[in-house]
Amino acid sequence: MAFKLIVRSDVWTDVESAVDWYDHEVSGLGQRFFHSFEESAKKIVQNPYHYSFITKNVRRCPIKRFPYSILYITEESNIFILAVINRRRSNAYIRKRVK
């Protein structure tokens, strides 16, 4: 089954914030974060049921080499990315973001 990836608009704010922060720390690190984000998104599309649930419907895919995860849901043939979140965030913040 082919899946369609749909990214909520506020997810791009999450990604931009992380890219900016990493670039401020080390030149070029933001681009590496973005590349890792893209690779993780591709893995989700290839096998969306591989990753663990963090709530009844929401799954978490770690972004390789960074302390971030992609939070997403699947509905029929659609994958909705809900957030890109630093794994150090509180559970309350995560629950708020995935509503």
PDB file of N, CA and C in Angstrom:
ATOM      1  N   MET A   1       0.841  -1.179   0.000  1.00  0.00           N
ATOM      2  CA  MET A   1       0.000   0.000   0.000  1.00  0.00           C
ATOM      3  C   MET A   1       0.886   1.243   0.000  1.00  0.00           C
ATOM      4  N   ALA A   2       0.573   2.173  -0.856  1.00  0.00           N
ATOM      5  CA  ALA A   2       1.313   3.441  -0.913  1.00  0.00           C
ATOM      6  C   ALA A   2       0.690   4.438   0.057  1.00  0.00           C
ATOM      7  N   PHE A   3       1.518   5.060   0.856  1.00  0.00           N
ATOM      8  CA  PHE A   3       1.050   6.032   1.834  1.00  0.00           C
ATOM      9  C   PHE A   3       1.362   7.444   1.371  1.00  0.00           C
ATOM     10  N   LYS A   4       0.464   8.350   1.704  1.00  0.00           N
ATOM     11  CA  LYS A   4       0.653   9.773   1.413  1.00  0.00           C
ATOM     12  C   LYS A   4       1.055  10.466   2.708  1.00  0.00           C
ATOM     13  N   LEU A   5       2.124  11.234   2.656  1.00  0.00           N
ATOM     14  CA  LEU A   5       2.614  11.954   3.824  1.00  0.00           C
ATOM     15  C   LEU A   5       2.027  13.356   3.842  1.00  0.00           C
ATOM     16  N   ILE A   6       1.395  13.701   4.957  1.00  0.00           N
ATOM     17  CA  ILE A   6       0.795  15.022   5.131  1.00  0.00           C
ATOM     18  C   ILE A   6       1.419  15.641   6.384  1.00  0.00           C
ATOM     19  N   VAL A   7       2.018  16.807   6.209  1.00  0.00           N
ATOM     20  CA  VAL A   7       2.726  17.477   7.300  1.00  0.00           C
ATOM     21  C   VAL A   7       1.930  18.698   7.729  1.00  0.00           C
ATOM     22  N   ARG A   8       1.555  18.737   9.018  1.00  0.00           N
ATOM     23  CA  ARG A   8       0.855  19.918   9.527  1.00  0.00           C
ATOM     24  C   ARG A   8       1.759  21.135   9.414  1.00  0.00           C
ATOM     25  N   SER A   9       1.146  22.288   9.165  1.00  0.00           N
ATOM     26  CA  SER A   9       1.936  23.508   8.938  1.00  0.00           C
ATOM     27  C   SER A   9       2.804  23.878  10.139  1.00  0.00           C
ATOM     28  N   ASP A  10       2.332  23.639  11.357  1.00  0.00           N
ATOM     29  CA  ASP A  10       3.134  24.010  12.528  1.00  0.00           C
ATOM     30  C   ASP A  10       4.352  23.105  12.718  1.00  0.00           C
ATOM     31  N   VAL A  11       4.374  21.973  12.034  1.00  0.00           N
ATOM     32  CA  VAL A  11       5.549  21.102  12.091  1.00  0.00           C
ATOM     33  C   VAL A  11       6.755  21.805  11.479  1.00  0.00           C
ATOM     34  N   TRP A  12       6.514  22.574  10.418  1.00  0.00           N
ATOM     35  CA  TRP A  12       7.629  23.290   9.785  1.00  0.00           C
ATOM     36  C   TRP A  12       8.228  24.320  10.741  1.00  0.00           C
ATOM     37  N   THR A  13       7.421  24.862  11.639  1.00  0.00           N
ATOM     38  CA  THR A  13       7.945  25.770  12.663  1.00  0.00           C
ATOM     39  C   THR A  13       8.863  25.004  13.611  1.00  0.00           C
ATOM     40  N   ASP A  14       8.445  23.787  13.998  1.00  0.00           N
ATOM     41  CA  ASP A  14       9.291  22.936  14.848  1.00  0.00           C
ATOM     42  C   ASP A  14      10.637  22.684  14.179  1.00  0.00           C
ATOM     43  N   VAL A  15      10.585  22.309  12.909  1.00  0.00           N
ATOM     44  CA  VAL A  15      11.805  21.972  12.171  1.00  0.00           C
ATOM     45  C   VAL A  15      12.697  23.202  12.020  1.00  0.00           C
ATOM     46  N   GLU A  16      12.115  24.328  11.638  1.00  0.00           N
ATOM     47  CA  GLU A  16      12.895  25.568  11.486  1.00  0.00           C
ATOM     48  C   GLU A  16      13.563  25.974  12.788  1.00  0.00           C
ATOM     49  N   SER A  17      12.837  25.849  13.896  1.00  0.00           N
ATOM     50  CA  SER A  17      13.410  26.208  15.199  1.00  0.00           C
ATOM     51  C   SER A  17      14.617  25.337  15.521  1.00  0.00           C
ATOM     52  N   ALA A  18      14.492  24.040  15.272  1.00  0.00           N
ATOM     53  CA  ALA A  18      15.607  23.129  15.543  1.00  0.00           C
ATOM     54  C   ALA A  18      16.781  23.424  14.614  1.00  0.00           C
ATOM     55  N   VAL A  19      16.509  23.636  13.338  1.00  0.00           N
ATOM     56  CA  VAL A  19      17.571  23.953  12.375  1.00  0.00           C
ATOM     57  C   VAL A  19      18.302  25.224  12.801  1.00  0.00           C
ATOM     58  N   ASP A  20      17.553  26.258  13.152  1.00  0.00           N
ATOM     59  CA  ASP A  20      18.166  27.521  13.575  1.00  0.00           C
ATOM     60  C   ASP A  20      19.025  27.334  14.821  1.00  0.00           C
ATOM     61  N   TRP A  21      18.505  26.582  15.793  1.00  0.00           N
ATOM     62  CA  TRP A  21      19.248  26.369  17.036  1.00  0.00           C
ATOM     63  C   TRP A  21      20.554  25.629  16.750  1.00  0.00           C
ATOM     64  N   TYR A  22      20.473  24.550  15.976  1.00  0.00           N
ATOM     65  CA  TYR A  22      21.684  23.778  15.668  1.00  0.00           C
ATOM     66  C   TYR A  22      22.681  24.590  14.852  1.00  0.00           C
ATOM     67  N   ASP A  23      22.202  25.386  13.898  1.00  0.00           N
ATOM     68  CA  ASP A  23      23.114  26.233  13.121  1.00  0.00           C
ATOM     69  C   ASP A  23      23.793  27.281  13.992  1.00  0.00           C
ATOM     70  N   HIS A  24      23.089  27.765  14.995  1.00  0.00           N
ATOM     71  CA  HIS A  24      23.680  28.728  15.925  1.00  0.00           C
ATOM     72  C   HIS A  24      24.791  28.072  16.745  1.00  0.00           C
ATOM     73  N   GLU A  25      24.595  26.792  17.081  1.00  0.00           N
ATOM     74  CA  GLU A  25      25.591  26.071  17.875  1.00  0.00           C
ATOM     75  C   GLU A  25      26.823  25.712  17.044  1.00  0.00           C
ATOM     76  N   VAL A  26      26.584  25.150  15.847  1.00  0.00           N
ATOM     77  CA  VAL A  26      27.673  24.714  14.965  1.00  0.00           C
ATOM     78  C   VAL A  26      27.230  24.934  13.527  1.00  0.00           C
ATOM     79  N   SER A  27      28.015  25.671  12.782  1.00  0.00           N
ATOM     80  CA  SER A  27      27.676  25.937  11.386  1.00  0.00           C
ATOM     81  C   SER A  27      27.496  24.625  10.615  1.00  0.00           C
ATOM     82  N   GLY A  28      26.374  24.503   9.913  1.00  0.00           N
ATOM     83  CA  GLY A  28      26.089  23.311   9.117  1.00  0.00           C
ATOM     84  C   GLY A  28      25.342  22.219   9.847  1.00  0.00           C
ATOM     85  N   LEU A  29      25.284  22.294  11.168  1.00  0.00           N
ATOM     86  CA  LEU A  29      24.601  21.248  11.934  1.00  0.00           C
ATOM     87  C   LEU A  29      23.097  21.279  11.696  1.00  0.00           C
ATOM     88  N   GLY A  30      22.551  22.455  11.455  1.00  0.00           N
ATOM     89  CA  GLY A  30      21.124  22.565  11.153  1.00  0.00           C
ATOM     90  C   GLY A  30      20.758  21.817   9.885  1.00  0.00           C
ATOM     91  N   GLN A  31      21.613  21.907   8.872  1.00  0.00           N
ATOM     92  CA  GLN A  31      21.371  21.179   7.621  1.00  0.00           C
ATOM     93  C   GLN A  31      21.421  19.673   7.851  1.00  0.00           C
ATOM     94  N   ARG A  32      22.329  19.230   8.713  1.00  0.00           N
ATOM     95  CA  ARG A  32      22.395  17.796   9.033  1.00  0.00           C
ATOM     96  C   ARG A  32      21.137  17.356   9.772  1.00  0.00           C
ATOM     97  N   PHE A  33      20.619  18.223  10.659  1.00  0.00           N
ATOM     98  CA  PHE A  33      19.359  17.903  11.331  1.00  0.00           C
ATOM     99  C   PHE A  33      18.241  17.755  10.300  1.00  0.00           C
ATOM    100  N   PHE A  34      18.153  18.709   9.370  1.00  0.00           N
ATOM    101  CA  PHE A  34      17.094  18.667   8.365  1.00  0.00           C
ATOM    102  C   PHE A  34      17.202  17.399   7.517  1.00  0.00           C
ATOM    103  N   HIS A  35      18.404  17.025   7.141  1.00  0.00           N
ATOM    104  CA  HIS A  35      18.606  15.802   6.363  1.00  0.00           C
ATOM    105  C   HIS A  35      18.145  14.577   7.163  1.00  0.00           C
ATOM    106  N   SER A  36      18.480  14.523   8.444  1.00  0.00           N
ATOM    107  CA  SER A  36      18.047  13.407   9.294  1.00  0.00           C
ATOM    108  C   SER A  36      16.532  13.384   9.439  1.00  0.00           C
ATOM    109  N   PHE A  37      15.917  14.564   9.541  1.00  0.00           N
ATOM    110  CA  PHE A  37      14.453  14.649   9.583  1.00  0.00           C
ATOM    111  C   PHE A  37      13.856  14.049   8.309  1.00  0.00           C
ATOM    112  N   GLU A  38      14.396  14.444   7.149  1.00  0.00           N
ATOM    113  CA  GLU A  38      13.889  13.920   5.876  1.00  0.00           C
ATOM    114  C   GLU A  38      14.049  12.406   5.792  1.00  0.00           C
ATOM    115  N   GLU A  39      15.179  11.889   6.232  1.00  0.00           N
ATOM    116  CA  GLU A  39      15.416  10.443   6.205  1.00  0.00           C
ATOM    117  C   GLU A  39      14.422   9.716   7.109  1.00  0.00           C
ATOM    118  N   SER A  40      14.152  10.264   8.276  1.00  0.00           N
ATOM    119  CA  SER A  40      13.182   9.650   9.184  1.00  0.00           C
ATOM    120  C   SER A  40      11.786   9.667   8.582  1.00  0.00           C
ATOM    121  N   ALA A  41      11.415  10.763   7.940  1.00  0.00           N
ATOM    122  CA  ALA A  41      10.104  10.847   7.291  1.00  0.00           C
ATOM    123  C   ALA A  41       9.981   9.798   6.186  1.00  0.00           C
ATOM    124  N   LYS A  42      11.049   9.584   5.424  1.00  0.00           N
ATOM    125  CA  LYS A  42      11.035   8.550   4.377  1.00  0.00           C
ATOM    126  C   LYS A  42      10.845   7.166   4.979  1.00  0.00           C
ATOM    127  N   LYS A  43      11.509   6.905   6.105  1.00  0.00           N
ATOM    128  CA  LYS A  43      11.363   5.609   6.770  1.00  0.00           C
ATOM    129  C   LYS A  43       9.934   5.399   7.252  1.00  0.00           C
ATOM    130  N   ILE A  44       9.309   6.463   7.736  1.00  0.00           N
ATOM    131  CA  ILE A  44       7.911   6.361   8.169  1.00  0.00           C
ATOM    132  C   ILE A  44       7.034   5.967   6.992  1.00  0.00           C
ATOM    133  N   VAL A  45       7.226   6.611   5.847  1.00  0.00           N
ATOM    134  CA  VAL A  45       6.416   6.306   4.660  1.00  0.00           C
ATOM    135  C   VAL A  45       6.646   4.862   4.214  1.00  0.00           C
ATOM    136  N   GLN A  46       7.877   4.390   4.291  1.00  0.00           N
ATOM    137  CA  GLN A  46       8.193   3.027   3.871  1.00  0.00           C
ATOM    138  C   GLN A  46       7.572   1.978   4.782  1.00  0.00           C
ATOM    139  N   ASN A  47       7.507   2.270   6.079  1.00  0.00           N
ATOM    140  CA  ASN A  47       6.989   1.291   7.032  1.00  0.00           C
ATOM    141  C   ASN A  47       6.353   2.001   8.230  1.00  0.00           C
ATOM    142  N   PRO A  48       5.165   2.581   8.053  1.00  0.00           N
ATOM    143  CA  PRO A  48       4.567   3.404   9.109  1.00  0.00           C
ATOM    144  C   PRO A  48       4.171   2.635  10.369  1.00  0.00           C
ATOM    145  N   TYR A  49       4.033   1.322  10.278  1.00  0.00           N
ATOM    146  CA  TYR A  49       3.608   0.546  11.440  1.00  0.00           C
ATOM    147  C   TYR A  49       4.787   0.016  12.253  1.00  0.00           C
ATOM    148  N   HIS A  50       5.982   0.347  11.858  1.00  0.00           N
ATOM    149  CA  HIS A  50       7.187  -0.134  12.530  1.00  0.00           C
ATOM    150  C   HIS A  50       7.409   0.525  13.897  1.00  0.00           C
ATOM    151  N   TYR A  51       7.002   1.757  14.050  1.00  0.00           N
ATOM    152  CA  TYR A  51       7.361   2.537  15.238  1.00  0.00           C
ATOM    153  C   TYR A  51       6.328   2.397  16.351  1.00  0.00           C
ATOM    154  N   SER A  52       6.785   2.593  17.569  1.00  0.00           N
ATOM    155  CA  SER A  52       5.968   2.378  18.765  1.00  0.00           C
ATOM    156  C   SER A  52       4.949   3.479  18.979  1.00  0.00           C
ATOM    157  N   PHE A  53       3.858   3.087  19.630  1.00  0.00           N
ATOM    158  CA  PHE A  53       2.834   4.044  20.043  1.00  0.00           C
ATOM    159  C   PHE A  53       3.294   4.769  21.306  1.00  0.00           C
ATOM    160  N   ILE A  54       2.965   6.071  21.385  1.00  0.00           N
ATOM    161  CA  ILE A  54       3.170   6.801  22.639  1.00  0.00           C
ATOM    162  C   ILE A  54       1.833   7.155  23.270  1.00  0.00           C
ATOM    163  N   THR A  55       0.774   7.136  22.467  1.00  0.00           N
ATOM    164  CA  THR A  55      -0.601   7.238  22.951  1.00  0.00           C
ATOM    165  C   THR A  55      -1.397   6.203  22.161  1.00  0.00           C
ATOM    166  N   LYS A  56      -2.691   6.200  22.340  1.00  0.00           N
ATOM    167  CA  LYS A  56      -3.530   5.208  21.660  1.00  0.00           C
ATOM    168  C   LYS A  56      -3.332   5.223  20.145  1.00  0.00           C
ATOM    169  N   ASN A  57      -3.183   6.402  19.539  1.00  0.00           N
ATOM    170  CA  ASN A  57      -3.092   6.513  18.082  1.00  0.00           C
ATOM    171  C   ASN A  57      -1.784   7.090  17.559  1.00  0.00           C
ATOM    172  N   VAL A  58      -1.011   7.727  18.417  1.00  0.00           N
ATOM    173  CA  VAL A  58       0.181   8.466  17.976  1.00  0.00           C
ATOM    174  C   VAL A  58       1.427   7.598  18.116  1.00  0.00           C
ATOM    175  N   ARG A  59       2.219   7.589  17.050  1.00  0.00           N
ATOM    176  CA  ARG A  59       3.489   6.860  17.043  1.00  0.00           C
ATOM    177  C   ARG A  59       4.656   7.850  17.070  1.00  0.00           C
ATOM    178  N   ARG A  60       5.819   7.322  17.490  1.00  0.00           N
ATOM    179  CA  ARG A  60       7.018   8.157  17.579  1.00  0.00           C
ATOM    180  C   ARG A  60       8.146   7.506  16.782  1.00  0.00           C
ATOM    181  N   CYS A  61       8.750   8.291  15.893  1.00  0.00           N
ATOM    182  CA  CYS A  61       9.924   7.856  15.135  1.00  0.00           C
ATOM    183  C   CYS A  61      11.093   8.743  15.540  1.00  0.00           C
ATOM    184  N   PRO A  62      12.140   8.169  16.126  1.00  0.00           N
ATOM    185  CA  PRO A  62      13.292   8.994  16.497  1.00  0.00           C
ATOM    186  C   PRO A  62      14.019   9.517  15.263  1.00  0.00           C
ATOM    187  N   ILE A  63      14.555  10.714  15.383  1.00  0.00           N
ATOM    188  CA  ILE A  63      15.382  11.294  14.327  1.00  0.00           C
ATOM    189  C   ILE A  63      16.827  10.931  14.663  1.00  0.00           C
ATOM    190  N   LYS A  64      17.442  10.183  13.776  1.00  0.00           N
ATOM    191  CA  LYS A  64      18.779   9.643  14.017  1.00  0.00           C
ATOM    192  C   LYS A  64      19.796  10.751  14.296  1.00  0.00           C
ATOM    193  N   ARG A  65      20.622  10.507  15.309  1.00  0.00           N
ATOM    194  CA  ARG A  65      21.722  11.392  15.727  1.00  0.00           C
ATOM    195  C   ARG A  65      21.279  12.677  16.428  1.00  0.00           C
ATOM    196  N   PHE A  66      19.985  12.846  16.660  1.00  0.00           N
ATOM    197  CA  PHE A  66      19.490  14.051  17.325  1.00  0.00           C
ATOM    198  C   PHE A  66      18.452  13.648  18.371  1.00  0.00           C
ATOM    199  N   PRO A  67      18.299  14.438  19.447  1.00  0.00           N
ATOM    200  CA  PRO A  67      17.342  14.085  20.499  1.00  0.00           C
ATOM    201  C   PRO A  67      15.910  14.526  20.168  1.00  0.00           C
ATOM    202  N   TYR A  68      15.484  14.294  18.944  1.00  0.00           N
ATOM    203  CA  TYR A  68      14.157  14.682  18.472  1.00  0.00           C
ATOM    204  C   TYR A  68      13.420  13.466  17.942  1.00  0.00           C
ATOM    205  N   SER A  69      12.101  13.562  17.950  1.00  0.00           N
ATOM    206  CA  SER A  69      11.247  12.525  17.377  1.00  0.00           C
ATOM    207  C   SER A  69      10.187  13.160  16.508  1.00  0.00           C
ATOM    208  N   ILE A  70       9.750  12.393  15.516  1.00  0.00           N
ATOM    209  CA  ILE A  70       8.598  12.767  14.701  1.00  0.00           C
ATOM    210  C   ILE A  70       7.399  12.041  15.290  1.00  0.00           C
ATOM    211  N   LEU A  71       6.358  12.788  15.611  1.00  0.00           N
ATOM    212  CA  LEU A  71       5.121  12.201  16.118  1.00  0.00           C
ATOM    213  C   LEU A  71       4.105  12.198  14.987  1.00  0.00           C
ATOM    214  N   TYR A  72       3.447  11.054  14.777  1.00  0.00           N
ATOM    215  CA  TYR A  72       2.551  10.934  13.631  1.00  0.00           C
ATOM    216  C   TYR A  72       1.430   9.938  13.899  1.00  0.00           C
ATOM    217  N   ILE A  73       0.406  10.029  13.063  1.00  0.00           N
ATOM    218  CA  ILE A  73      -0.692   9.069  13.081  1.00  0.00           C
ATOM    219  C   ILE A  73      -0.903   8.556  11.661  1.00  0.00           C
ATOM    220  N   THR A  74      -1.519   7.392  11.580  1.00  0.00           N
ATOM    221  CA  THR A  74      -1.904   6.850  10.277  1.00  0.00           C
ATOM    222  C   THR A  74      -3.421   6.736  10.242  1.00  0.00           C
ATOM    223  N   GLU A  75      -3.989   7.134   9.130  1.00  0.00           N
ATOM    224  CA  GLU A  75      -5.423   6.991   8.886  1.00  0.00           C
ATOM    225  C   GLU A  75      -5.584   6.536   7.450  1.00  0.00           C
ATOM    226  N   GLU A  76      -6.046   5.308   7.295  1.00  0.00           N
ATOM    227  CA  GLU A  76      -6.174   4.687   5.979  1.00  0.00           C
ATOM    228  C   GLU A  76      -4.825   4.744   5.271  1.00  0.00           C
ATOM    229  N   SER A  77      -4.731   5.393   4.124  1.00  0.00           N
ATOM    230  CA  SER A  77      -3.456   5.442   3.399  1.00  0.00           C
ATOM    231  C   SER A  77      -2.718   6.765   3.614  1.00  0.00           C
ATOM    232  N   ASN A  78      -3.096   7.504   4.650  1.00  0.00           N
ATOM    233  CA  ASN A  78      -2.464   8.791   4.952  1.00  0.00           C
ATOM    234  C   ASN A  78      -1.632   8.704   6.227  1.00  0.00           C
ATOM    235  N   ILE A  79      -0.512   9.393   6.203  1.00  0.00           N
ATOM    236  CA  ILE A  79       0.320   9.560   7.392  1.00  0.00           C
ATOM    237  C   ILE A  79       0.342  11.052   7.688  1.00  0.00           C
ATOM    238  N   PHE A  80      -0.079  11.407   8.897  1.00  0.00           N
ATOM    239  CA  PHE A  80      -0.110  12.810   9.305  1.00  0.00           C
ATOM    240  C   PHE A  80       1.001  13.046  10.320  1.00  0.00           C
ATOM    241  N   ILE A  81       1.980  13.885   9.950  1.00  0.00           N
ATOM    242  CA  ILE A  81       3.002  14.276  10.920  1.00  0.00           C
ATOM    243  C   ILE A  81       2.413  15.398  11.760  1.00  0.00           C
ATOM    244  N   LEU A  82       2.363  15.154  13.072  1.00  0.00           N
ATOM    245  CA  LEU A  82       1.732  16.087  14.003  1.00  0.00           C
ATOM    246  C   LEU A  82       2.722  17.050  14.641  1.00  0.00           C
ATOM    247  N   ALA A  83       3.952  16.576  14.861  1.00  0.00           N
ATOM    248  CA  ALA A  83       4.934  17.413  15.553  1.00  0.00           C
ATOM    249  C   ALA A  83       6.328  16.823  15.395  1.00  0.00           C
ATOM    250  N   VAL A  84       7.309  17.681  15.540  1.00  0.00           N
ATOM    251  CA  VAL A  84       8.705  17.276  15.685  1.00  0.00           C
ATOM    252  C   VAL A  84       9.128  17.831  17.031  1.00  0.00           C
ATOM    253  N   ILE A  85       9.429  16.932  17.967  1.00  0.00           N
ATOM    254  CA  ILE A  85       9.585  17.336  19.360  1.00  0.00           C
ATOM    255  C   ILE A  85      10.903  16.831  19.936  1.00  0.00           C
ATOM    256  N   ASN A  86      11.539  17.692  20.713  1.00  0.00           N
ATOM    257  CA  ASN A  86      12.712  17.288  21.472  1.00  0.00           C
ATOM    258  C   ASN A  86      12.263  16.249  22.493  1.00  0.00           C
ATOM    259  N   ARG A  87      12.965  15.135  22.555  1.00  0.00           N
ATOM    260  CA  ARG A  87      12.556  14.039  23.446  1.00  0.00           C
ATOM    261  C   ARG A  87      12.676  14.402  24.923  1.00  0.00           C
ATOM    262  N   ARG A  88      13.300  15.519  25.222  1.00  0.00           N
ATOM    263  CA  ARG A  88      13.400  15.952  26.623  1.00  0.00           C
ATOM    264  C   ARG A  88      12.162  16.722  27.082  1.00  0.00           C
ATOM    265  N   ARG A  89      11.257  16.996  26.172  1.00  0.00           N
ATOM    266  CA  ARG A  89      10.032  17.732  26.521  1.00  0.00           C
ATOM    267  C   ARG A  89       9.170  16.907  27.465  1.00  0.00           C
ATOM    268  N   SER A  90       8.373  17.594  28.260  1.00  0.00           N
ATOM    269  CA  SER A  90       7.505  16.907  29.217  1.00  0.00           C
ATOM    270  C   SER A  90       6.383  16.167  28.499  1.00  0.00           C
ATOM    271  N   ASN A  91       5.868  15.150  29.160  1.00  0.00           N
ATOM    272  CA  ASN A  91       4.739  14.403  28.602  1.00  0.00           C
ATOM    273  C   ASN A  91       3.520  15.294  28.423  1.00  0.00           C
ATOM    274  N   ALA A  92       3.327  16.246  29.314  1.00  0.00           N
ATOM    275  CA  ALA A  92       2.185  17.164  29.196  1.00  0.00           C
ATOM    276  C   ALA A  92       2.302  17.994  27.917  1.00  0.00           C
ATOM    277  N   TYR A  93       3.493  18.477  27.620  1.00  0.00           N
ATOM    278  CA  TYR A  93       3.704  19.260  26.398  1.00  0.00           C
ATOM    279  C   TYR A  93       3.454  18.397  25.166  1.00  0.00           C
ATOM    280  N   ILE A  94       3.944  17.188  25.191  1.00  0.00           N
ATOM    281  CA  ILE A  94       3.753  16.283  24.055  1.00  0.00           C
ATOM    282  C   ILE A  94       2.274  16.001  23.836  1.00  0.00           C
ATOM    283  N   ARG A  95       1.545  15.696  24.900  1.00  0.00           N
ATOM    284  CA  ARG A  95       0.095  15.438  24.771  1.00  0.00           C
ATOM    285  C   ARG A  95      -0.622  16.647  24.190  1.00  0.00           C
ATOM    286  N   LYS A  96      -0.235  17.840  24.622  1.00  0.00           N
ATOM    287  CA  LYS A  96      -0.855  19.064  24.109  1.00  0.00           C
ATOM    288  C   LYS A  96      -0.608  19.213  22.611  1.00  0.00           C
ATOM    289  N   ARG A  97       0.595  18.912  22.167  1.00  0.00           N
ATOM    290  CA  ARG A  97       0.948  19.082  20.755  1.00  0.00           C
ATOM    291  C   ARG A  97       0.249  18.095  19.828  1.00  0.00           C
ATOM    292  N   VAL A  98      -0.067  16.918  20.312  1.00  0.00           N
ATOM    293  CA  VAL A  98      -0.645  15.903  19.424  1.00  0.00           C
ATOM    294  C   VAL A  98      -2.165  15.890  19.428  1.00  0.00           C
ATOM    295  N   LYS A  99      -2.771  16.805  20.138  1.00  0.00           N
ATOM    296  CA  LYS A  99      -4.241  16.876  20.136  1.00  0.00           C
ATOM    297  C   LYS A  99      -4.745  17.407  18.831  1.00  0.00           C
TER     298      LYS A  99
END
